Amino acid sequence: MYNCGKRFVTRLDAVIKPHHRYANVFTDKLKSFIETGYRSLRKTATDFQTFLGVSPSFTSIRNWQTKKLENRIENIKADYSGYYCYDEQWIKRNGQRHYRLTLYDYILNISVTEEITPDKGYKTIKRFIKSSTRNKKFYSLTTDGLGEYKSITDELGVVHQLCIFHLLK
């Protein structure tokens, strides 16, 4: 028998991620275990032991449940009204405070863009609004009572309006 001296390695990245212990199919199995409702990590680990004969740690199960989030979601709509509302909410992501910026079409009653950012500074908000309205009609922006929004709308050349709640407040 002749040995050419070359070695071949079959990549299994599609089945098992590098430096991981379990195959990717376990994340699919996890979805089927919890699709009927919330399951604690302990009960989910018991399900894996009962049905698949493996005992993943609680940390592994939690990591399978955690999805990598996209930072920006844009609605695909060709023609918006140009009358938008802007707001932000703080959220916790990986134990740290982040902000979800939202631009909403007031007339059509649909979300235009949402983005998760680590800060809500003036430049971040202006960039978000400007990029979200690029190549779209833009007449007015309704916001809460922060003074910096008026500066942003003035720079963008649109009408600034306070929401009625903040106006009365």
C-alpha atoms as a PDB file:
ATOM      1  CA  MET A   1       0.000   0.000   0.000  1.00  0.00           C
ATOM      2  CA  TYR A   2       1.316   3.413  -0.961  1.00  0.00           C
ATOM      3  CA  ASN A   3       1.202   6.405   1.464  1.00  0.00           C
ATOM      4  CA  CYS A   4       1.487   9.808  -0.216  1.00  0.00           C
ATOM      5  CA  GLY A   5       2.226  11.588   3.073  1.00  0.00           C
ATOM      6  CA  LYS A   6      -0.672  14.052   2.778  1.00  0.00           C
ATOM      7  CA  ARG A   7      -3.356  14.400   5.393  1.00  0.00           C
ATOM      8  CA  PHE A   8      -6.923  15.423   4.831  1.00  0.00           C
ATOM      9  CA  VAL A   9      -9.235  16.839   7.452  1.00  0.00           C
ATOM     10  CA  THR A  10     -12.977  17.010   7.004  1.00  0.00           C
ATOM     11  CA  ARG A  11     -14.334  20.286   8.371  1.00  0.00           C
ATOM     12  CA  LEU A  12     -17.314  19.777  10.661  1.00  0.00           C
ATOM     13  CA  ASP A  13     -18.078  23.468  11.296  1.00  0.00           C
ATOM     14  CA  ALA A  14     -21.552  23.033   9.798  1.00  0.00           C
ATOM     15  CA  VAL A  15     -22.306  20.332  12.384  1.00  0.00           C
ATOM     16  CA  ILE A  16     -20.275  21.405  15.429  1.00  0.00           C
ATOM     17  CA  LYS A  17     -19.014  24.935  15.921  1.00  0.00           C
ATOM     18  CA  PRO A  18     -15.274  25.177  16.679  1.00  0.00           C
ATOM     19  CA  HIS A  19     -14.502  24.786  20.404  1.00  0.00           C
ATOM     20  CA  HIS A  20     -18.059  23.596  21.169  1.00  0.00           C
ATOM     21  CA  ARG A  21     -19.010  20.306  22.732  1.00  0.00           C
ATOM     22  CA  TYR A  22     -22.470  19.724  21.260  1.00  0.00           C
ATOM     23  CA  ALA A  23     -23.715  19.620  17.670  1.00  0.00           C
ATOM     24  CA  ASN A  24     -25.734  22.498  16.247  1.00  0.00           C
ATOM     25  CA  VAL A  25     -28.848  20.305  16.093  1.00  0.00           C
ATOM     26  CA  PHE A  26     -29.230  20.695  19.860  1.00  0.00           C
ATOM     27  CA  THR A  27     -30.339  24.304  19.381  1.00  0.00           C
ATOM     28  CA  ASP A  28     -33.107  23.024  17.087  1.00  0.00           C
ATOM     29  CA  LYS A  29     -34.109  20.418  19.664  1.00  0.00           C
ATOM     30  CA  LEU A  30     -34.191  23.133  22.320  1.00  0.00           C
ATOM     31  CA  LYS A  31     -36.690  25.082  20.185  1.00  0.00           C
ATOM     32  CA  SER A  32     -38.993  22.069  20.029  1.00  0.00           C
ATOM     33  CA  PHE A  33     -38.734  21.523  23.808  1.00  0.00           C
ATOM     34  CA  ILE A  34     -39.751  25.091  24.669  1.00  0.00           C
ATOM     35  CA  GLU A  35     -42.114  25.974  21.804  1.00  0.00           C
ATOM     36  CA  THR A  36     -45.201  25.200  23.895  1.00  0.00           C
ATOM     37  CA  GLY A  37     -44.213  27.672  26.591  1.00  0.00           C
ATOM     38  CA  TYR A  38     -41.569  28.647  29.109  1.00  0.00           C
ATOM     39  CA  ARG A  39     -39.399  25.823  30.450  1.00  0.00           C
ATOM     40  CA  SER A  40     -36.910  26.311  33.244  1.00  0.00           C
ATOM     41  CA  LEU A  41     -33.278  25.401  32.586  1.00  0.00           C
ATOM     42  CA  ARG A  42     -33.595  22.476  34.999  1.00  0.00           C
ATOM     43  CA  LYS A  43     -36.649  21.034  33.202  1.00  0.00           C
ATOM     44  CA  THR A  44     -35.039  21.563  29.817  1.00  0.00           C
ATOM     45  CA  ALA A  45     -31.894  19.738  30.978  1.00  0.00           C
ATOM     46  CA  THR A  46     -34.123  16.875  32.148  1.00  0.00           C
ATOM     47  CA  ASP A  47     -35.778  16.787  28.706  1.00  0.00           C
ATOM     48  CA  PHE A  48     -32.368  16.499  27.030  1.00  0.00           C
ATOM     49  CA  GLN A  49     -31.428  13.636  29.352  1.00  0.00           C
ATOM     50  CA  THR A  50     -34.754  11.839  28.876  1.00  0.00           C
ATOM     51  CA  PHE A  51     -35.143  12.162  25.113  1.00  0.00           C
ATOM     52  CA  LEU A  52     -31.571  12.450  23.821  1.00  0.00           C
ATOM     53  CA  GLY A  53     -29.463  10.829  26.527  1.00  0.00           C
ATOM     54  CA  VAL A  54     -27.158  13.824  26.998  1.00  0.00           C
ATOM     55  CA  SER A  55     -26.709  16.159  29.953  1.00  0.00           C
ATOM     56  CA  PRO A  56     -25.781  19.667  28.799  1.00  0.00           C
ATOM     57  CA  SER A  57     -25.022  22.226  31.482  1.00  0.00           C
ATOM     58  CA  PHE A  58     -27.454  25.030  32.298  1.00  0.00           C
ATOM     59  CA  THR A  59     -24.948  27.467  30.789  1.00  0.00           C
ATOM     60  CA  SER A  60     -24.963  25.573  27.480  1.00  0.00           C
ATOM     61  CA  ILE A  61     -28.767  25.599  27.384  1.00  0.00           C
ATOM     62  CA  ARG A  62     -28.877  29.330  28.172  1.00  0.00           C
ATOM     63  CA  ASN A  63     -26.347  30.011  25.401  1.00  0.00           C
ATOM     64  CA  TRP A  64     -28.481  28.040  22.941  1.00  0.00           C
ATOM     65  CA  GLN A  65     -31.493  30.152  23.932  1.00  0.00           C
ATOM     66  CA  THR A  66     -29.595  33.411  23.481  1.00  0.00           C
ATOM     67  CA  LYS A  67     -29.822  34.793  19.988  1.00  0.00           C
ATOM     68  CA  LYS A  68     -27.349  37.204  18.509  1.00  0.00           C
ATOM     69  CA  LEU A  69     -29.336  40.344  17.887  1.00  0.00           C
ATOM     70  CA  GLU A  70     -29.033  42.507  14.861  1.00  0.00           C
ATOM     71  CA  ASN A  71     -28.486  46.115  15.828  1.00  0.00           C
ATOM     72  CA  ARG A  72     -30.814  47.559  13.204  1.00  0.00           C
ATOM     73  CA  ILE A  73     -34.158  46.580  11.723  1.00  0.00           C
ATOM     74  CA  GLU A  74     -35.627  48.499   8.796  1.00  0.00           C
ATOM     75  CA  ASN A  75     -39.126  48.087   7.469  1.00  0.00           C
ATOM     76  CA  ILE A  76     -39.188  47.644   3.702  1.00  0.00           C
ATOM     77  CA  LYS A  77     -41.832  50.048   2.480  1.00  0.00           C
ATOM     78  CA  ALA A  78     -41.456  52.112  -0.644  1.00  0.00           C
ATOM     79  CA  ASP A  79     -43.534  55.163   0.222  1.00  0.00           C
ATOM     80  CA  TYR A  80     -43.786  56.586   3.746  1.00  0.00           C
ATOM     81  CA  SER A  81     -46.006  59.528   4.709  1.00  0.00           C
ATOM     82  CA  GLY A  82     -43.160  61.772   5.944  1.00  0.00           C
ATOM     83  CA  TYR A  83     -44.774  62.311   9.373  1.00  0.00           C
ATOM     84  CA  TYR A  84     -42.702  60.429  11.924  1.00  0.00           C
ATOM     85  CA  CYS A  85     -42.563  59.877  15.675  1.00  0.00           C
ATOM     86  CA  TYR A  86     -39.275  59.201  17.451  1.00  0.00           C
ATOM     87  CA  ASP A  87     -38.710  57.622  20.846  1.00  0.00           C
ATOM     88  CA  GLU A  88     -36.151  55.575  22.702  1.00  0.00           C
ATOM     89  CA  GLN A  89     -36.365  53.065  25.510  1.00  0.00           C
ATOM     90  CA  TRP A  90     -33.547  51.682  27.596  1.00  0.00           C
ATOM     91  CA  ILE A  91     -32.991  47.937  27.610  1.00  0.00           C
ATOM     92  CA  LYS A  92     -30.477  45.598  29.207  1.00  0.00           C
ATOM     93  CA  ARG A  93     -28.264  43.679  26.831  1.00  0.00           C
ATOM     94  CA  ASN A  94     -25.602  41.373  28.245  1.00  0.00           C
ATOM     95  CA  GLY A  95     -26.091  43.048  31.624  1.00  0.00           C
ATOM     96  CA  GLN A  96     -25.397  46.563  30.301  1.00  0.00           C
ATOM     97  CA  ARG A  97     -27.745  49.421  29.538  1.00  0.00           C
ATOM     98  CA  HIS A  98     -28.421  50.011  25.848  1.00  0.00           C
ATOM     99  CA  TYR A  99     -31.066  52.040  24.048  1.00  0.00           C
ATOM    100  CA  ARG A 100     -33.627  51.013  21.465  1.00  0.00           C
ATOM    101  CA  LEU A 101     -34.172  53.932  19.086  1.00  0.00           C
ATOM    102  CA  THR A 102     -37.440  53.815  17.168  1.00  0.00           C
ATOM    103  CA  LEU A 103     -38.702  55.844  14.214  1.00  0.00           C
ATOM    104  CA  TYR A 104     -42.400  55.327  13.531  1.00  0.00           C
ATOM    105  CA  ASP A 105     -44.598  56.522  10.654  1.00  0.00           C
ATOM    106  CA  TYR A 106     -47.490  58.256  12.379  1.00  0.00           C
ATOM    107  CA  ILE A 107     -49.919  58.251   9.432  1.00  0.00           C
ATOM    108  CA  LEU A 108     -49.317  54.696   8.189  1.00  0.00           C
ATOM    109  CA  ASN A 109     -49.056  53.323  11.744  1.00  0.00           C
ATOM    110  CA  ILE A 110     -45.921  51.251  11.025  1.00  0.00           C
ATOM    111  CA  SER A 111     -42.376  51.160  12.312  1.00  0.00           C
ATOM    112  CA  VAL A 112     -39.793  52.584   9.907  1.00  0.00           C
ATOM    113  CA  THR A 113     -36.540  51.694  11.695  1.00  0.00           C
ATOM    114  CA  GLU A 114     -35.405  50.374  15.050  1.00  0.00           C
ATOM    115  CA  GLU A 115     -31.819  50.266  16.253  1.00  0.00           C
ATOM    116  CA  ILE A 116     -30.068  49.177  19.432  1.00  0.00           C
ATOM    117  CA  THR A 117     -27.163  51.409  20.493  1.00  0.00           C
ATOM    118  CA  PRO A 118     -25.007  51.678  23.621  1.00  0.00           C
ATOM    119  CA  ASP A 119     -25.694  55.420  23.935  1.00  0.00           C
ATOM    120  CA  LYS A 120     -28.360  57.988  23.093  1.00  0.00           C
ATOM    121  CA  GLY A 121     -26.171  60.993  22.513  1.00  0.00           C
ATOM    122  CA  TYR A 122     -26.973  63.864  20.181  1.00  0.00           C
ATOM    123  CA  LYS A 123     -24.798  62.543  17.330  1.00  0.00           C
ATOM    124  CA  THR A 124     -26.200  59.012  17.619  1.00  0.00           C
ATOM    125  CA  ILE A 125     -29.808  60.214  17.495  1.00  0.00           C
ATOM    126  CA  LYS A 126     -29.152  62.597  14.603  1.00  0.00           C
ATOM    127  CA  ARG A 127     -27.343  59.870  12.626  1.00  0.00           C
ATOM    128  CA  PHE A 128     -30.186  57.431  13.300  1.00  0.00           C
ATOM    129  CA  ILE A 129     -32.930  59.831  12.178  1.00  0.00           C
ATOM    130  CA  LYS A 130     -30.950  61.052   9.174  1.00  0.00           C
ATOM    131  CA  SER A 131     -30.078  57.539   7.938  1.00  0.00           C
ATOM    132  CA  SER A 132     -33.626  56.291   8.587  1.00  0.00           C
ATOM    133  CA  THR A 133     -35.192  59.052   6.499  1.00  0.00           C
ATOM    134  CA  ARG A 134     -32.641  59.099   3.673  1.00  0.00           C
ATOM    135  CA  ASN A 135     -34.445  59.071   0.293  1.00  0.00           C
ATOM    136  CA  LYS A 136     -37.826  59.249   2.047  1.00  0.00           C
ATOM    137  CA  LYS A 137     -40.383  62.025   2.433  1.00  0.00           C
ATOM    138  CA  PHE A 138     -39.774  63.882   5.692  1.00  0.00           C
ATOM    139  CA  TYR A 139     -42.068  66.716   6.833  1.00  0.00           C
ATOM    140  CA  SER A 140     -42.268  66.537  10.612  1.00  0.00           C
ATOM    141  CA  LEU A 141     -40.957  64.696  13.644  1.00  0.00           C
ATOM    142  CA  THR A 142     -42.927  64.222  16.863  1.00  0.00           C
ATOM    143  CA  THR A 143     -40.808  63.609  19.972  1.00  0.00           C
ATOM    144  CA  ASP A 144     -40.892  63.926  23.745  1.00  0.00           C
ATOM    145  CA  GLY A 145     -39.720  67.082  25.502  1.00  0.00           C
ATOM    146  CA  LEU A 146     -35.925  66.861  25.294  1.00  0.00           C
ATOM    147  CA  GLY A 147     -34.483  70.108  23.951  1.00  0.00           C
ATOM    148  CA  GLU A 148     -31.894  68.500  21.696  1.00  0.00           C
ATOM    149  CA  TYR A 149     -34.613  67.119  19.407  1.00  0.00           C
ATOM    150  CA  LYS A 150     -35.547  70.641  18.346  1.00  0.00           C
ATOM    151  CA  SER A 151     -31.936  71.258  17.265  1.00  0.00           C
ATOM    152  CA  ILE A 152     -31.899  68.027  15.265  1.00  0.00           C
ATOM    153  CA  THR A 153     -35.138  68.846  13.442  1.00  0.00           C
ATOM    154  CA  ASP A 154     -33.898  72.362  12.699  1.00  0.00           C
ATOM    155  CA  GLU A 155     -30.690  70.961  11.197  1.00  0.00           C
ATOM    156  CA  LEU A 156     -32.673  68.462   9.131  1.00  0.00           C
ATOM    157  CA  GLY A 157     -35.092  71.164   7.982  1.00  0.00           C
ATOM    158  CA  VAL A 158     -38.336  69.623   9.239  1.00  0.00           C
ATOM    159  CA  VAL A 159     -41.071  70.689  11.659  1.00  0.00           C
ATOM    160  CA  HIS A 160     -40.637  69.598  15.282  1.00  0.00           C
ATOM    161  CA  GLN A 161     -43.730  68.745  17.296  1.00  0.00           C
ATOM    162  CA  LEU A 162     -44.017  67.656  20.928  1.00  0.00           C
ATOM    163  CA  CYS A 163     -46.255  64.701  21.676  1.00  0.00           C
ATOM    164  CA  ILE A 164     -49.444  65.801  23.443  1.00  0.00           C
ATOM    165  CA  PHE A 165     -48.539  64.066  26.706  1.00  0.00           C
ATOM    166  CA  HIS A 166     -45.207  65.883  26.937  1.00  0.00           C
ATOM    167  CA  LEU A 167     -46.753  69.129  25.743  1.00  0.00           C
ATOM    168  CA  LEU A 168     -49.321  69.026  28.590  1.00  0.00           C
ATOM    169  CA  LYS A 169     -46.684  67.917  31.066  1.00  0.00           C
END
